[in-house]
N, C-alpha and C. Protein backbone atom coordinates (compact mmCIF):
# COMPACT_ATOMS: atom_id res chain seq x y z
N UNK A 1 25.08 -1.74 -19.09
CA UNK A 1 24.25 -0.87 -18.26
C UNK A 1 25.00 0.38 -17.83
N UNK A 2 26.25 0.20 -17.41
CA UNK A 2 27.03 1.36 -16.98
C UNK A 2 27.30 2.32 -18.13
N UNK A 3 27.60 1.77 -19.30
CA UNK A 3 27.94 2.61 -20.44
C UNK A 3 26.82 3.58 -20.79
N UNK A 4 25.57 3.16 -20.62
CA UNK A 4 24.45 4.01 -20.99
C UNK A 4 23.69 4.57 -19.78
N UNK A 5 24.26 4.39 -18.59
CA UNK A 5 23.62 4.93 -17.40
C UNK A 5 22.31 4.26 -17.05
N UNK A 6 22.19 2.97 -17.38
CA UNK A 6 20.95 2.24 -17.10
C UNK A 6 20.99 1.69 -15.68
N UNK A 7 19.81 1.50 -15.09
CA UNK A 7 19.74 1.08 -13.71
C UNK A 7 19.27 -0.36 -13.55
N UNK A 8 18.48 -0.86 -14.50
CA UNK A 8 17.94 -2.21 -14.38
C UNK A 8 18.03 -2.91 -15.72
N UNK A 9 18.03 -4.24 -15.69
CA UNK A 9 18.17 -5.02 -16.93
C UNK A 9 16.96 -4.88 -17.85
N UNK A 10 15.79 -4.51 -17.31
CA UNK A 10 14.63 -4.37 -18.19
C UNK A 10 14.70 -3.10 -19.04
N UNK A 11 15.77 -2.31 -18.86
CA UNK A 11 16.00 -1.16 -19.72
C UNK A 11 16.80 -1.54 -20.96
N UNK A 12 17.16 -2.82 -21.10
CA UNK A 12 17.87 -3.30 -22.28
C UNK A 12 16.95 -4.24 -23.05
N UNK A 13 16.64 -3.89 -24.28
CA UNK A 13 15.70 -4.66 -25.10
C UNK A 13 16.46 -5.29 -26.26
N UNK A 14 16.12 -6.53 -26.58
CA UNK A 14 16.69 -7.28 -27.71
C UNK A 14 18.13 -7.72 -27.47
N UNK A 15 18.55 -7.87 -26.22
CA UNK A 15 19.88 -8.40 -25.95
C UNK A 15 19.87 -9.91 -26.22
N UNK A 16 20.77 -10.42 -27.08
CA UNK A 16 20.80 -11.87 -27.33
C UNK A 16 21.25 -12.63 -26.09
N UNK A 17 20.95 -13.92 -26.05
CA UNK A 17 21.26 -14.74 -24.88
C UNK A 17 22.74 -14.70 -24.55
N UNK A 18 23.59 -14.76 -25.57
CA UNK A 18 25.03 -14.76 -25.29
C UNK A 18 25.46 -13.45 -24.64
N UNK A 19 24.78 -12.36 -24.95
CA UNK A 19 25.12 -11.07 -24.38
C UNK A 19 24.89 -11.01 -22.88
N UNK A 20 23.92 -11.79 -22.41
CA UNK A 20 23.64 -11.83 -20.98
C UNK A 20 24.45 -12.91 -20.27
N UNK A 21 24.89 -13.92 -21.01
CA UNK A 21 25.52 -15.08 -20.38
C UNK A 21 27.05 -15.07 -20.44
N UNK A 22 27.62 -14.49 -21.50
CA UNK A 22 29.06 -14.57 -21.69
C UNK A 22 29.77 -13.37 -21.07
N UNK A 23 31.00 -13.60 -20.62
CA UNK A 23 31.80 -12.53 -20.01
C UNK A 23 33.05 -12.28 -20.85
N UNK A 24 33.54 -11.05 -20.78
CA UNK A 24 34.71 -10.66 -21.56
C UNK A 24 35.66 -9.85 -20.68
N UNK A 25 36.95 -10.03 -20.91
CA UNK A 25 37.95 -9.23 -20.20
C UNK A 25 38.29 -8.01 -21.04
N UNK A 26 38.30 -6.86 -20.39
CA UNK A 26 38.66 -5.61 -21.06
C UNK A 26 39.84 -5.00 -20.32
N UNK A 27 40.89 -4.71 -21.04
CA UNK A 27 42.07 -4.07 -20.45
C UNK A 27 42.33 -2.77 -21.18
N UNK A 28 42.30 -1.67 -20.44
CA UNK A 28 42.50 -0.36 -21.04
C UNK A 28 43.30 0.52 -20.10
N UNK A 29 44.01 1.49 -20.65
CA UNK A 29 44.83 2.37 -19.83
C UNK A 29 44.77 3.78 -20.39
N UNK A 30 44.58 4.75 -19.51
CA UNK A 30 44.59 6.15 -19.92
C UNK A 30 46.02 6.62 -20.16
N UNK A 31 46.20 7.48 -21.15
CA UNK A 31 47.52 8.09 -21.31
C UNK A 31 47.73 9.11 -20.19
N UNK A 32 48.95 9.51 -19.97
CA UNK A 32 49.28 10.35 -18.83
C UNK A 32 48.56 11.70 -18.87
N UNK A 33 48.43 12.28 -20.04
CA UNK A 33 47.78 13.59 -20.16
C UNK A 33 46.30 13.48 -19.79
N UNK A 34 45.64 12.42 -20.25
CA UNK A 34 44.22 12.23 -19.93
C UNK A 34 44.03 11.95 -18.45
N UNK A 35 44.91 11.12 -17.88
CA UNK A 35 44.82 10.81 -16.46
C UNK A 35 44.98 12.07 -15.61
N UNK A 36 45.90 12.95 -16.01
CA UNK A 36 46.10 14.20 -15.28
C UNK A 36 44.89 15.10 -15.39
N UNK A 37 44.27 15.11 -16.55
CA UNK A 37 43.06 15.93 -16.76
C UNK A 37 41.91 15.42 -15.89
N UNK A 38 41.77 14.09 -15.80
CA UNK A 38 40.66 13.50 -15.05
C UNK A 38 40.76 13.79 -13.55
N UNK A 39 41.97 14.00 -13.06
CA UNK A 39 42.14 14.28 -11.64
C UNK A 39 41.49 15.60 -11.23
N UNK A 40 41.25 16.46 -12.21
CA UNK A 40 40.64 17.76 -11.94
C UNK A 40 39.11 17.71 -12.01
N UNK A 41 38.56 16.56 -12.39
CA UNK A 41 37.12 16.45 -12.59
C UNK A 41 36.42 15.93 -11.34
N UNK A 42 35.12 16.18 -11.24
CA UNK A 42 34.32 15.62 -10.16
C UNK A 42 34.06 14.15 -10.44
N UNK A 43 33.59 13.41 -9.43
CA UNK A 43 33.28 11.98 -9.61
C UNK A 43 32.26 11.78 -10.73
N UNK A 44 31.25 12.64 -10.78
CA UNK A 44 30.21 12.49 -11.79
C UNK A 44 30.76 12.77 -13.19
N UNK A 45 31.68 13.75 -13.31
CA UNK A 45 32.29 14.04 -14.60
C UNK A 45 33.17 12.89 -15.06
N UNK A 46 33.90 12.27 -14.12
CA UNK A 46 34.73 11.11 -14.46
C UNK A 46 33.84 9.96 -14.92
N UNK A 47 32.72 9.76 -14.23
CA UNK A 47 31.80 8.70 -14.63
C UNK A 47 31.28 8.92 -16.04
N UNK A 48 30.95 10.16 -16.37
CA UNK A 48 30.47 10.46 -17.72
C UNK A 48 31.53 10.15 -18.76
N UNK A 49 32.79 10.45 -18.46
CA UNK A 49 33.89 10.12 -19.39
C UNK A 49 34.01 8.60 -19.56
N UNK A 50 33.91 7.88 -18.44
CA UNK A 50 33.96 6.41 -18.51
C UNK A 50 32.85 5.87 -19.40
N UNK A 51 31.66 6.42 -19.22
CA UNK A 51 30.52 5.96 -20.02
C UNK A 51 30.74 6.21 -21.49
N UNK A 52 31.25 7.38 -21.83
CA UNK A 52 31.51 7.70 -23.24
C UNK A 52 32.54 6.75 -23.84
N UNK A 53 33.58 6.43 -23.06
CA UNK A 53 34.62 5.52 -23.55
C UNK A 53 34.06 4.11 -23.75
N UNK A 54 33.22 3.66 -22.82
CA UNK A 54 32.64 2.32 -22.94
C UNK A 54 31.67 2.24 -24.12
N UNK A 55 30.93 3.31 -24.36
CA UNK A 55 30.04 3.32 -25.52
C UNK A 55 30.86 3.18 -26.81
N UNK A 56 31.97 3.90 -26.88
CA UNK A 56 32.84 3.80 -28.06
C UNK A 56 33.40 2.40 -28.21
N UNK A 57 33.79 1.79 -27.09
CA UNK A 57 34.32 0.43 -27.12
C UNK A 57 33.26 -0.55 -27.63
N UNK A 58 32.02 -0.41 -27.15
CA UNK A 58 30.95 -1.32 -27.57
C UNK A 58 30.67 -1.18 -29.07
N UNK A 59 30.74 0.04 -29.56
CA UNK A 59 30.53 0.25 -31.00
C UNK A 59 31.68 -0.36 -31.79
N UNK A 60 32.91 -0.15 -31.32
CA UNK A 60 34.09 -0.60 -32.05
C UNK A 60 34.26 -2.11 -32.00
N UNK A 61 34.11 -2.71 -30.81
CA UNK A 61 34.44 -4.13 -30.64
C UNK A 61 33.23 -5.06 -30.80
N UNK A 62 32.02 -4.53 -30.55
CA UNK A 62 30.82 -5.37 -30.65
C UNK A 62 29.91 -4.95 -31.80
N UNK A 63 30.32 -3.95 -32.58
CA UNK A 63 29.51 -3.43 -33.68
C UNK A 63 28.11 -3.06 -33.20
N UNK A 64 28.05 -2.49 -32.01
CA UNK A 64 26.76 -2.21 -31.37
C UNK A 64 26.05 -1.03 -32.05
N UNK A 65 24.78 -1.24 -32.34
CA UNK A 65 23.90 -0.17 -32.81
C UNK A 65 22.63 -0.20 -31.96
N UNK A 66 22.25 0.94 -31.42
CA UNK A 66 21.07 1.00 -30.55
C UNK A 66 20.25 2.24 -30.88
N UNK A 67 19.02 2.23 -30.39
CA UNK A 67 18.24 3.46 -30.35
C UNK A 67 17.49 3.52 -29.03
N UNK A 68 17.14 4.73 -28.62
CA UNK A 68 16.46 4.95 -27.36
C UNK A 68 14.94 4.96 -27.56
N UNK A 69 14.23 4.44 -26.59
CA UNK A 69 12.78 4.54 -26.54
C UNK A 69 12.38 4.84 -25.10
N UNK A 70 11.20 5.40 -24.93
CA UNK A 70 10.63 5.60 -23.60
C UNK A 70 9.46 4.64 -23.45
N UNK A 71 9.50 3.81 -22.41
CA UNK A 71 8.45 2.82 -22.17
C UNK A 71 7.94 2.95 -20.75
N UNK A 72 6.70 2.54 -20.54
CA UNK A 72 6.11 2.53 -19.21
C UNK A 72 6.56 1.26 -18.48
N UNK A 73 7.33 1.43 -17.40
CA UNK A 73 7.83 0.30 -16.64
C UNK A 73 7.52 0.50 -15.15
N UNK A 74 7.64 -0.58 -14.39
CA UNK A 74 7.48 -0.48 -12.95
C UNK A 74 8.64 0.31 -12.36
N UNK A 75 8.34 1.24 -11.47
CA UNK A 75 9.35 2.05 -10.82
C UNK A 75 9.00 2.20 -9.35
N UNK A 76 9.96 2.67 -8.57
CA UNK A 76 9.71 3.06 -7.19
C UNK A 76 10.03 4.54 -7.07
N UNK A 77 9.04 5.34 -6.70
CA UNK A 77 9.26 6.75 -6.46
C UNK A 77 9.81 6.93 -5.05
N UNK A 78 10.91 7.65 -4.92
CA UNK A 78 11.48 7.96 -3.62
C UNK A 78 10.96 9.31 -3.17
N UNK A 79 10.21 9.32 -2.05
CA UNK A 79 9.60 10.55 -1.54
C UNK A 79 10.03 10.75 -0.09
N UNK A 80 9.77 11.94 0.44
CA UNK A 80 10.06 12.22 1.85
C UNK A 80 8.94 11.61 2.69
N UNK A 81 9.30 10.85 3.71
CA UNK A 81 8.32 10.20 4.58
C UNK A 81 7.76 11.20 5.59
N UNK A 82 6.65 10.81 6.21
CA UNK A 82 6.07 11.63 7.26
C UNK A 82 7.09 11.80 8.38
N UNK A 83 7.27 13.01 8.84
CA UNK A 83 8.28 13.28 9.85
C UNK A 83 9.54 13.90 9.28
N UNK A 84 9.68 13.86 7.94
CA UNK A 84 10.80 14.52 7.29
C UNK A 84 12.04 13.65 7.16
N UNK A 85 12.99 14.10 6.34
CA UNK A 85 14.20 13.31 6.08
C UNK A 85 15.12 13.26 7.29
N UNK A 86 15.86 12.14 7.40
CA UNK A 86 16.86 11.95 8.45
C UNK A 86 18.23 11.89 7.78
N UNK A 87 18.61 12.99 7.17
CA UNK A 87 19.84 13.04 6.39
C UNK A 87 20.77 14.10 6.96
N UNK A 88 22.05 13.78 6.96
CA UNK A 88 23.05 14.74 7.43
C UNK A 88 23.54 15.56 6.23
N UNK A 89 23.35 16.87 6.30
CA UNK A 89 23.80 17.74 5.23
C UNK A 89 25.33 17.81 5.25
N UNK A 90 25.95 17.63 4.09
CA UNK A 90 27.41 17.63 4.00
C UNK A 90 27.95 19.05 4.06
N UNK A 91 29.18 19.21 4.58
CA UNK A 91 29.82 20.53 4.56
C UNK A 91 30.02 21.00 3.13
N UNK A 92 29.90 22.29 2.93
CA UNK A 92 30.09 22.86 1.59
C UNK A 92 31.52 22.62 1.12
N UNK A 93 31.65 22.16 -0.11
CA UNK A 93 32.98 21.95 -0.69
C UNK A 93 33.59 20.61 -0.36
N UNK A 94 32.85 19.73 0.34
CA UNK A 94 33.39 18.42 0.67
C UNK A 94 33.49 17.53 -0.57
N UNK A 95 34.46 16.64 -0.57
CA UNK A 95 34.63 15.74 -1.71
C UNK A 95 33.55 14.67 -1.67
N UNK A 96 33.09 14.29 -2.85
CA UNK A 96 32.00 13.32 -2.96
C UNK A 96 32.55 11.91 -3.17
N UNK A 97 31.97 10.95 -2.45
CA UNK A 97 32.35 9.54 -2.63
C UNK A 97 31.17 8.68 -2.22
N UNK A 98 31.10 7.49 -2.79
CA UNK A 98 30.04 6.55 -2.43
C UNK A 98 30.54 5.14 -2.56
N UNK A 99 29.91 4.24 -1.81
CA UNK A 99 30.25 2.83 -1.88
C UNK A 99 28.99 2.01 -1.74
N UNK A 100 29.01 0.81 -2.29
CA UNK A 100 27.84 -0.05 -2.17
C UNK A 100 28.25 -1.50 -2.30
N UNK A 101 27.47 -2.35 -1.64
CA UNK A 101 27.64 -3.78 -1.74
C UNK A 101 26.27 -4.39 -1.49
N UNK A 102 26.18 -5.68 -1.40
CA UNK A 102 24.90 -6.35 -1.27
C UNK A 102 24.20 -5.94 0.02
N UNK A 103 23.16 -5.11 -0.09
CA UNK A 103 22.43 -4.67 1.08
C UNK A 103 23.06 -3.51 1.83
N UNK A 104 23.90 -2.74 1.15
CA UNK A 104 24.61 -1.65 1.84
C UNK A 104 24.94 -0.53 0.85
N UNK A 105 24.63 0.69 1.24
CA UNK A 105 25.03 1.87 0.47
C UNK A 105 25.51 2.93 1.45
N UNK A 106 26.64 3.54 1.14
CA UNK A 106 27.12 4.66 1.94
C UNK A 106 27.52 5.77 1.00
N UNK A 107 27.50 6.99 1.51
CA UNK A 107 27.91 8.11 0.68
C UNK A 107 28.32 9.30 1.52
N UNK A 108 29.27 10.03 1.01
CA UNK A 108 29.68 11.29 1.61
C UNK A 108 29.52 12.38 0.56
N UNK A 109 28.79 13.41 0.93
CA UNK A 109 28.55 14.55 0.04
C UNK A 109 27.98 14.09 -1.30
N UNK A 110 26.96 13.22 -1.25
CA UNK A 110 26.35 12.74 -2.49
C UNK A 110 24.96 13.35 -2.67
N UNK A 111 24.58 13.49 -3.91
CA UNK A 111 23.28 14.03 -4.27
C UNK A 111 22.24 12.92 -4.25
N UNK A 112 20.97 13.32 -4.23
CA UNK A 112 19.89 12.33 -4.34
C UNK A 112 19.94 11.63 -5.68
N UNK A 113 20.41 12.33 -6.72
CA UNK A 113 20.55 11.70 -8.03
C UNK A 113 21.51 10.51 -7.95
N UNK A 114 22.65 10.72 -7.30
CA UNK A 114 23.62 9.65 -7.15
C UNK A 114 23.08 8.54 -6.26
N UNK A 115 22.38 8.92 -5.19
CA UNK A 115 21.85 7.91 -4.27
C UNK A 115 20.82 7.01 -4.96
N UNK A 116 19.87 7.59 -5.72
CA UNK A 116 18.85 6.75 -6.35
C UNK A 116 19.47 5.89 -7.45
N UNK A 117 20.53 6.39 -8.08
CA UNK A 117 21.22 5.57 -9.08
C UNK A 117 21.83 4.35 -8.41
N UNK A 118 22.53 4.56 -7.30
CA UNK A 118 23.14 3.44 -6.58
C UNK A 118 22.08 2.50 -6.03
N UNK A 119 21.00 3.07 -5.48
CA UNK A 119 19.94 2.23 -4.91
C UNK A 119 19.28 1.39 -5.99
N UNK A 120 19.04 1.98 -7.16
CA UNK A 120 18.46 1.23 -8.27
C UNK A 120 19.33 0.04 -8.65
N UNK A 121 20.63 0.29 -8.73
CA UNK A 121 21.56 -0.79 -9.09
C UNK A 121 21.54 -1.90 -8.06
N UNK A 122 21.47 -1.53 -6.79
CA UNK A 122 21.56 -2.53 -5.73
C UNK A 122 20.29 -3.38 -5.60
N UNK A 123 19.12 -2.78 -5.76
CA UNK A 123 17.88 -3.52 -5.54
C UNK A 123 17.31 -4.07 -6.84
N UNK A 124 17.90 -3.71 -7.98
CA UNK A 124 17.42 -4.24 -9.24
C UNK A 124 16.08 -3.69 -9.65
N UNK A 125 15.78 -2.46 -9.27
CA UNK A 125 14.52 -1.82 -9.63
C UNK A 125 14.76 -0.35 -9.85
N UNK A 126 14.02 0.23 -10.78
CA UNK A 126 14.19 1.64 -11.11
C UNK A 126 13.66 2.52 -9.98
N UNK A 127 14.49 3.39 -9.44
CA UNK A 127 14.09 4.33 -8.40
C UNK A 127 14.14 5.74 -8.99
N UNK A 128 13.06 6.49 -8.78
CA UNK A 128 12.95 7.85 -9.31
C UNK A 128 12.94 8.82 -8.13
N UNK A 129 13.79 9.82 -8.20
CA UNK A 129 13.88 10.80 -7.12
C UNK A 129 12.72 11.78 -7.18
N UNK A 130 11.84 11.71 -6.18
CA UNK A 130 10.72 12.65 -6.06
C UNK A 130 10.80 13.38 -4.72
N UNK A 131 11.99 13.43 -4.13
CA UNK A 131 12.13 14.02 -2.80
C UNK A 131 12.16 15.54 -2.82
N UNK A 132 12.62 16.12 -3.92
CA UNK A 132 12.81 17.55 -3.98
C UNK A 132 14.02 18.03 -3.18
N UNK A 133 14.87 17.09 -2.74
CA UNK A 133 16.06 17.43 -1.97
C UNK A 133 17.23 17.67 -2.93
N UNK A 134 17.77 18.87 -2.90
CA UNK A 134 18.78 19.25 -3.89
C UNK A 134 20.18 19.39 -3.32
N UNK A 135 20.37 19.09 -2.04
CA UNK A 135 21.67 19.27 -1.43
C UNK A 135 22.58 18.07 -1.58
N UNK A 136 23.68 18.09 -0.83
CA UNK A 136 24.62 16.97 -0.77
C UNK A 136 24.57 16.42 0.66
N UNK A 137 24.60 15.10 0.78
CA UNK A 137 24.33 14.48 2.07
C UNK A 137 25.33 13.37 2.38
N UNK A 138 25.55 13.15 3.69
CA UNK A 138 26.28 11.99 4.17
C UNK A 138 25.24 10.98 4.65
N UNK A 139 25.33 9.74 4.20
CA UNK A 139 24.31 8.77 4.58
C UNK A 139 24.86 7.35 4.56
N UNK A 140 24.18 6.49 5.30
CA UNK A 140 24.46 5.05 5.29
C UNK A 140 23.13 4.32 5.33
N UNK A 141 22.97 3.34 4.46
CA UNK A 141 21.74 2.55 4.40
C UNK A 141 22.09 1.08 4.38
N UNK A 142 21.50 0.30 5.28
CA UNK A 142 21.71 -1.15 5.30
C UNK A 142 20.37 -1.85 5.35
N UNK A 143 20.25 -2.95 4.63
CA UNK A 143 19.01 -3.73 4.61
C UNK A 143 19.31 -5.17 4.24
N UNK A 144 18.29 -6.02 4.32
CA UNK A 144 18.45 -7.41 3.92
C UNK A 144 18.10 -7.53 2.44
N UNK A 145 19.07 -7.79 1.57
CA UNK A 145 18.78 -7.84 0.13
C UNK A 145 17.78 -8.92 -0.23
N UNK A 146 17.76 -10.04 0.50
CA UNK A 146 16.82 -11.10 0.21
C UNK A 146 15.38 -10.64 0.41
N UNK A 147 15.19 -9.72 1.36
CA UNK A 147 13.84 -9.22 1.61
C UNK A 147 13.34 -8.37 0.45
N UNK A 148 14.23 -7.67 -0.22
CA UNK A 148 13.82 -6.88 -1.38
C UNK A 148 13.38 -7.80 -2.50
N UNK A 149 14.17 -8.84 -2.72
CA UNK A 149 13.86 -9.74 -3.83
C UNK A 149 12.58 -10.52 -3.56
N UNK A 150 12.32 -10.81 -2.30
CA UNK A 150 11.20 -11.68 -1.97
C UNK A 150 9.85 -11.00 -2.13
N UNK A 151 9.76 -9.71 -1.79
CA UNK A 151 8.46 -9.08 -1.78
C UNK A 151 8.57 -7.58 -1.91
N UNK A 152 7.64 -7.00 -2.66
CA UNK A 152 7.56 -5.55 -2.76
C UNK A 152 6.60 -4.98 -1.73
N UNK A 153 6.08 -5.82 -0.84
CA UNK A 153 5.15 -5.39 0.20
C UNK A 153 5.92 -5.17 1.49
N UNK A 154 6.08 -3.93 1.96
CA UNK A 154 6.90 -3.67 3.15
C UNK A 154 6.42 -4.42 4.37
N UNK A 155 5.09 -4.53 4.56
CA UNK A 155 4.58 -5.20 5.75
C UNK A 155 4.88 -6.69 5.72
N UNK A 156 4.80 -7.29 4.53
CA UNK A 156 5.09 -8.71 4.42
C UNK A 156 6.57 -8.97 4.67
N UNK A 157 7.44 -8.12 4.07
CA UNK A 157 8.87 -8.30 4.25
C UNK A 157 9.27 -8.10 5.71
N UNK A 158 8.71 -7.07 6.34
CA UNK A 158 9.12 -6.74 7.70
C UNK A 158 8.64 -7.77 8.71
N UNK A 159 7.62 -8.57 8.32
CA UNK A 159 7.05 -9.52 9.28
C UNK A 159 7.84 -10.81 9.39
N UNK A 160 8.79 -11.04 8.51
CA UNK A 160 9.52 -12.30 8.53
C UNK A 160 10.49 -12.34 9.71
N UNK A 161 10.38 -13.38 10.47
CA UNK A 161 11.18 -13.50 11.68
C UNK A 161 12.66 -13.63 11.37
N UNK A 162 13.47 -13.01 12.26
CA UNK A 162 14.92 -13.13 12.21
C UNK A 162 15.55 -12.56 10.94
N UNK A 163 14.77 -11.83 10.16
CA UNK A 163 15.33 -11.23 8.94
C UNK A 163 15.70 -9.78 9.23
N UNK A 164 16.70 -9.29 8.48
CA UNK A 164 17.02 -7.88 8.60
C UNK A 164 15.91 -7.06 7.98
N UNK A 165 15.98 -5.74 8.09
CA UNK A 165 14.91 -4.91 7.54
C UNK A 165 14.87 -5.00 6.02
N UNK A 166 13.66 -4.92 5.47
CA UNK A 166 13.54 -4.81 4.02
C UNK A 166 14.09 -3.46 3.59
N UNK A 167 14.34 -3.32 2.31
CA UNK A 167 14.83 -2.03 1.82
C UNK A 167 13.79 -0.95 2.06
N UNK A 168 12.50 -1.31 2.01
CA UNK A 168 11.43 -0.35 2.23
C UNK A 168 11.47 0.18 3.66
N UNK A 169 11.58 -0.76 4.62
CA UNK A 169 11.64 -0.35 6.02
C UNK A 169 12.91 0.41 6.32
N UNK A 170 14.04 -0.03 5.76
CA UNK A 170 15.33 0.61 6.03
C UNK A 170 15.36 2.04 5.52
N UNK A 171 14.85 2.27 4.30
CA UNK A 171 14.84 3.62 3.74
C UNK A 171 14.04 4.56 4.62
N UNK A 172 12.90 4.07 5.14
CA UNK A 172 12.06 4.93 5.96
C UNK A 172 12.65 5.14 7.36
N UNK A 173 13.12 4.06 7.97
CA UNK A 173 13.63 4.15 9.34
C UNK A 173 14.97 4.88 9.41
N UNK A 174 15.85 4.60 8.47
CA UNK A 174 17.21 5.13 8.55
C UNK A 174 17.38 6.48 7.87
N UNK A 175 16.57 6.76 6.84
CA UNK A 175 16.76 7.99 6.07
C UNK A 175 15.57 8.94 6.12
N UNK A 176 14.44 8.48 6.66
CA UNK A 176 13.26 9.34 6.68
C UNK A 176 12.66 9.56 5.30
N UNK A 177 12.90 8.61 4.40
CA UNK A 177 12.36 8.66 3.05
C UNK A 177 11.45 7.46 2.84
N UNK A 178 10.79 7.37 1.70
CA UNK A 178 9.85 6.28 1.47
C UNK A 178 9.85 5.87 0.00
N UNK A 179 9.82 4.55 -0.24
CA UNK A 179 9.72 4.02 -1.59
C UNK A 179 8.27 3.67 -1.89
N UNK A 180 7.74 4.26 -2.97
CA UNK A 180 6.34 4.04 -3.35
C UNK A 180 6.31 3.41 -4.73
N UNK A 181 5.71 2.22 -4.83
CA UNK A 181 5.68 1.52 -6.11
C UNK A 181 4.72 2.22 -7.07
N UNK A 182 5.13 2.30 -8.33
CA UNK A 182 4.34 3.01 -9.32
C UNK A 182 4.74 2.53 -10.71
N UNK A 183 4.21 3.19 -11.72
CA UNK A 183 4.65 2.99 -13.10
C UNK A 183 4.99 4.36 -13.67
N UNK A 184 5.99 4.39 -14.54
CA UNK A 184 6.38 5.67 -15.09
C UNK A 184 7.19 5.51 -16.36
N UNK A 185 7.39 6.62 -17.09
CA UNK A 185 8.18 6.57 -18.32
C UNK A 185 9.66 6.35 -18.01
N UNK A 186 10.25 5.37 -18.67
CA UNK A 186 11.65 5.01 -18.42
C UNK A 186 12.38 4.92 -19.76
N UNK A 187 13.56 5.50 -19.82
CA UNK A 187 14.39 5.41 -21.02
C UNK A 187 14.95 4.00 -21.14
N UNK A 188 14.78 3.38 -22.31
CA UNK A 188 15.33 2.05 -22.55
C UNK A 188 16.23 2.10 -23.79
N UNK A 189 17.15 1.16 -23.84
CA UNK A 189 18.03 0.98 -24.99
C UNK A 189 17.55 -0.22 -25.78
N UNK A 190 17.21 -0.02 -27.04
CA UNK A 190 16.81 -1.12 -27.92
C UNK A 190 18.00 -1.46 -28.80
N UNK A 191 18.45 -2.70 -28.72
CA UNK A 191 19.61 -3.13 -29.50
C UNK A 191 19.17 -3.49 -30.92
N UNK A 192 19.69 -2.75 -31.89
CA UNK A 192 19.38 -3.01 -33.30
C UNK A 192 20.37 -3.99 -33.92
N UNK A 193 21.62 -3.97 -33.41
CA UNK A 193 22.64 -4.89 -33.95
C UNK A 193 23.75 -5.04 -32.92
N UNK A 194 24.23 -6.28 -32.78
CA UNK A 194 25.38 -6.53 -31.91
C UNK A 194 26.05 -7.83 -32.36
N UNK A 195 27.37 -7.88 -32.26
CA UNK A 195 28.13 -9.07 -32.68
C UNK A 195 29.10 -9.47 -31.57
N UNK A 196 29.42 -10.75 -31.51
CA UNK A 196 30.46 -11.19 -30.59
C UNK A 196 31.78 -10.56 -31.04
N UNK A 197 32.58 -10.07 -30.09
CA UNK A 197 33.85 -9.44 -30.48
C UNK A 197 34.88 -10.49 -30.86
N UNK A 198 35.77 -10.12 -31.76
CA UNK A 198 36.90 -10.99 -32.08
C UNK A 198 38.02 -10.72 -31.10
N UNK A 199 38.92 -11.69 -30.93
CA UNK A 199 40.04 -11.48 -30.04
C UNK A 199 41.04 -10.52 -30.66
N UNK A 200 41.80 -9.82 -29.81
CA UNK A 200 42.83 -8.91 -30.32
C UNK A 200 43.94 -9.72 -31.00
């Protein structure tokens, strides 16, 4: 998923069972010249380099062959809620960083593109940025991950006693944004060929 910038598992088609069940250790090291070059890049540029390297690894070690298709899948459109966004605009020239864990996302000087990517990964659903917000922001979002998995209905999730906020409620209350369920065109990777890697 990371190698191709995918956000949810339904963007991978024809993955064999072993591909989803088996784990592999990968050990790699940048040479000094490349490491020095990467220090001059932005976080997003470094991520793109990582993705390119992982794609090459998958081709080399797994004999991976894929093609792209666009399919209609369930998505959540992220829009500005009534009352406007509750986001702190980052100082110009600030360094960008983000972190996430189960039910938590934080970011400093991050774009909406980066935020929806992280949010998609955390909730296991494709999020599409429809906010029209083009700046860089400092933000923190916390929610109950079990509430996201349990229901896509914000009112049903929010009504459960003693539970933390659903992701739907948290996005609206904490960020002034709103997740709206929809269907839309999504880029998917169709696996044409893949093999188990041999040991080094």
